[in-house]
Amino acid sequence: MTKAELIDAIAKEAGVTKADAEKTVGAFFDIVVKSAKKGDKVAWPGFGSFSTSKSKARTGRNPQTGEAVKIAASTRMKFTSSATLKAALNPKKK
């Protein structure tokens, strides 16, 4: 689903204009990014949570040449789905 398709679907589902839907979704992601920069976790019960994890600097390999490459330390964004979402995606078969 593209951003435009997502905005259309949200506007239709919520009964709001596309402009309002885009502002709302944009605000949501802005808040998630700001919270992640502070090291906070953003949780939505029944859906999941967004958090960060740190990776240490390490040495990797260039797969084409085999040459050693330094990989800098970084902060990564992580999404963990809730048990409710996992159950909805993986219904039990009889």
C-alpha atoms as a PDB file:
ATOM      1  CA  MET A   1       0.000   0.000   0.000  1.00  0.00           C
ATOM      2  CA  THR A   2       1.395   3.386  -0.967  1.00  0.00           C
ATOM      3  CA  LYS A   3       1.134   6.534   1.136  1.00  0.00           C
ATOM      4  CA  ALA A   4      -1.616   7.887  -1.155  1.00  0.00           C
ATOM      5  CA  GLU A   5      -3.601   4.635  -0.886  1.00  0.00           C
ATOM      6  CA  LEU A   6      -3.214   4.662   2.898  1.00  0.00           C
ATOM      7  CA  ILE A   7      -4.416   8.275   3.152  1.00  0.00           C
ATOM      8  CA  ASP A   8      -7.415   7.473   0.910  1.00  0.00           C
ATOM      9  CA  ALA A   9      -8.334   4.433   3.007  1.00  0.00           C
ATOM     10  CA  ILE A  10      -8.025   6.323   6.305  1.00  0.00           C
ATOM     11  CA  ALA A  11     -10.082   9.262   5.014  1.00  0.00           C
ATOM     12  CA  LYS A  12     -12.808   6.910   3.826  1.00  0.00           C
ATOM     13  CA  GLU A  13     -12.815   4.779   7.011  1.00  0.00           C
ATOM     14  CA  ALA A  14     -12.821   7.780   9.374  1.00  0.00           C
ATOM     15  CA  GLY A  15     -15.181   9.908   7.288  1.00  0.00           C
ATOM     16  CA  VAL A  16     -12.761  12.833   7.085  1.00  0.00           C
ATOM     17  CA  THR A  17     -11.109  14.695   4.240  1.00  0.00           C
ATOM     18  CA  LYS A  18      -7.901  13.418   2.692  1.00  0.00           C
ATOM     19  CA  ALA A  19      -6.119  16.557   3.941  1.00  0.00           C
ATOM     20  CA  ASP A  20      -7.218  15.878   7.526  1.00  0.00           C
ATOM     21  CA  ALA A  21      -6.220  12.231   7.253  1.00  0.00           C
ATOM     22  CA  GLU A  22      -2.781  13.174   5.920  1.00  0.00           C
ATOM     23  CA  LYS A  23      -2.239  15.728   8.709  1.00  0.00           C
ATOM     24  CA  THR A  24      -3.237  13.179  11.339  1.00  0.00           C
ATOM     25  CA  VAL A  25      -1.042  10.381   9.981  1.00  0.00           C
ATOM     26  CA  GLY A  26       1.847  12.821   9.544  1.00  0.00           C
ATOM     27  CA  ALA A  27       1.454  14.014  13.136  1.00  0.00           C
ATOM     28  CA  PHE A  28       1.425  10.412  14.377  1.00  0.00           C
ATOM     29  CA  PHE A  29       4.716   9.601  12.658  1.00  0.00           C
ATOM     30  CA  ASP A  30       6.279  12.905  13.778  1.00  0.00           C
ATOM     31  CA  ILE A  31       5.438  12.043  17.398  1.00  0.00           C
ATOM     32  CA  VAL A  32       6.803   8.499  17.021  1.00  0.00           C
ATOM     33  CA  VAL A  33      10.090   9.899  15.641  1.00  0.00           C
ATOM     34  CA  LYS A  34      10.359  12.558  18.390  1.00  0.00           C
ATOM     35  CA  SER A  35       9.680   9.953  21.074  1.00  0.00           C
ATOM     36  CA  ALA A  36      12.220   7.556  19.551  1.00  0.00           C
ATOM     37  CA  LYS A  37      14.877  10.294  19.534  1.00  0.00           C
ATOM     38  CA  LYS A  38      14.285  10.736  23.284  1.00  0.00           C
ATOM     39  CA  GLY A  39      14.527   6.979  23.803  1.00  0.00           C
ATOM     40  CA  ASP A  40      10.836   6.614  24.686  1.00  0.00           C
ATOM     41  CA  LYS A  41       8.645   3.712  23.613  1.00  0.00           C
ATOM     42  CA  VAL A  42       5.323   4.352  21.842  1.00  0.00           C
ATOM     43  CA  ALA A  43       2.768   1.621  22.498  1.00  0.00           C
ATOM     44  CA  TRP A  44      -0.671   1.097  20.995  1.00  0.00           C
ATOM     45  CA  PRO A  45      -2.527  -1.642  22.906  1.00  0.00           C
ATOM     46  CA  GLY A  46      -3.862  -4.316  20.590  1.00  0.00           C
ATOM     47  CA  PHE A  47      -1.481  -3.285  17.804  1.00  0.00           C
ATOM     48  CA  GLY A  48       2.108  -3.108  19.018  1.00  0.00           C
ATOM     49  CA  SER A  49       4.901  -0.815  20.091  1.00  0.00           C
ATOM     50  CA  PHE A  50       7.642   1.234  18.493  1.00  0.00           C
ATOM     51  CA  SER A  51      10.988   1.420  20.285  1.00  0.00           C
ATOM     52  CA  THR A  52      14.667   1.850  19.553  1.00  0.00           C
ATOM     53  CA  SER A  53      17.657  -0.401  19.980  1.00  0.00           C
ATOM     54  CA  LYS A  54      21.316   0.442  19.775  1.00  0.00           C
ATOM     55  CA  SER A  55      23.845  -1.479  17.738  1.00  0.00           C
ATOM     56  CA  LYS A  56      27.548  -1.317  18.520  1.00  0.00           C
ATOM     57  CA  ALA A  57      30.225  -0.464  15.997  1.00  0.00           C
ATOM     58  CA  ARG A  58      31.558  -3.586  14.330  1.00  0.00           C
ATOM     59  CA  THR A  59      33.559  -4.884  11.419  1.00  0.00           C
ATOM     60  CA  GLY A  60      31.696  -6.342   8.470  1.00  0.00           C
ATOM     61  CA  ARG A  61      32.708  -7.711   5.089  1.00  0.00           C
ATOM     62  CA  ASN A  62      32.064  -6.405   1.593  1.00  0.00           C
ATOM     63  CA  PRO A  63      30.346  -9.417  -0.027  1.00  0.00           C
ATOM     64  CA  GLN A  64      31.832  -8.670  -3.463  1.00  0.00           C
ATOM     65  CA  THR A  65      35.454  -8.243  -2.435  1.00  0.00           C
ATOM     66  CA  GLY A  66      35.633  -9.838   1.012  1.00  0.00           C
ATOM     67  CA  GLU A  67      37.357  -6.678   2.231  1.00  0.00           C
ATOM     68  CA  ALA A  68      36.810  -5.704   5.902  1.00  0.00           C
ATOM     69  CA  VAL A  69      34.514  -2.705   6.346  1.00  0.00           C
ATOM     70  CA  LYS A  70      33.916  -0.683   9.510  1.00  0.00           C
ATOM     71  CA  ILE A  71      30.224  -0.347  10.363  1.00  0.00           C
ATOM     72  CA  ALA A  72      29.439   2.577  12.660  1.00  0.00           C
ATOM     73  CA  ALA A  73      27.301   2.305  15.788  1.00  0.00           C
ATOM     74  CA  SER A  74      23.696   3.298  15.172  1.00  0.00           C
ATOM     75  CA  THR A  75      20.232   3.532  16.667  1.00  0.00           C
ATOM     76  CA  ARG A  76      17.568   1.401  15.001  1.00  0.00           C
ATOM     77  CA  MET A  77      13.804   1.654  15.034  1.00  0.00           C
ATOM     78  CA  LYS A  78      12.007  -1.498  16.074  1.00  0.00           C
ATOM     79  CA  PHE A  79       8.338  -2.520  15.919  1.00  0.00           C
ATOM     80  CA  THR A  80       7.021  -5.305  18.118  1.00  0.00           C
ATOM     81  CA  SER A  81       3.528  -6.545  17.360  1.00  0.00           C
ATOM     82  CA  SER A  82       1.095  -7.257  20.176  1.00  0.00           C
ATOM     83  CA  ALA A  83      -0.324 -10.681  20.937  1.00  0.00           C
ATOM     84  CA  THR A  84      -3.705  -9.446  19.670  1.00  0.00           C
ATOM     85  CA  LEU A  85      -2.243  -8.465  16.288  1.00  0.00           C
ATOM     86  CA  LYS A  86      -0.311 -11.733  16.024  1.00  0.00           C
ATOM     87  CA  ALA A  87      -3.504 -13.688  16.752  1.00  0.00           C
ATOM     88  CA  ALA A  88      -5.416 -11.723  14.090  1.00  0.00           C
ATOM     89  CA  LEU A  89      -2.705 -12.423  11.504  1.00  0.00           C
ATOM     90  CA  ASN A  90      -2.379 -16.094  12.427  1.00  0.00           C
ATOM     91  CA  PRO A  91      -5.831 -17.521  13.177  1.00  0.00           C
ATOM     92  CA  LYS A  92      -5.866 -21.001  14.622  1.00  0.00           C
ATOM     93  CA  LYS A  93      -6.905 -23.641  12.119  1.00  0.00           C
ATOM     94  CA  LYS A  94      -9.300 -26.389  13.153  1.00  0.00           C
END
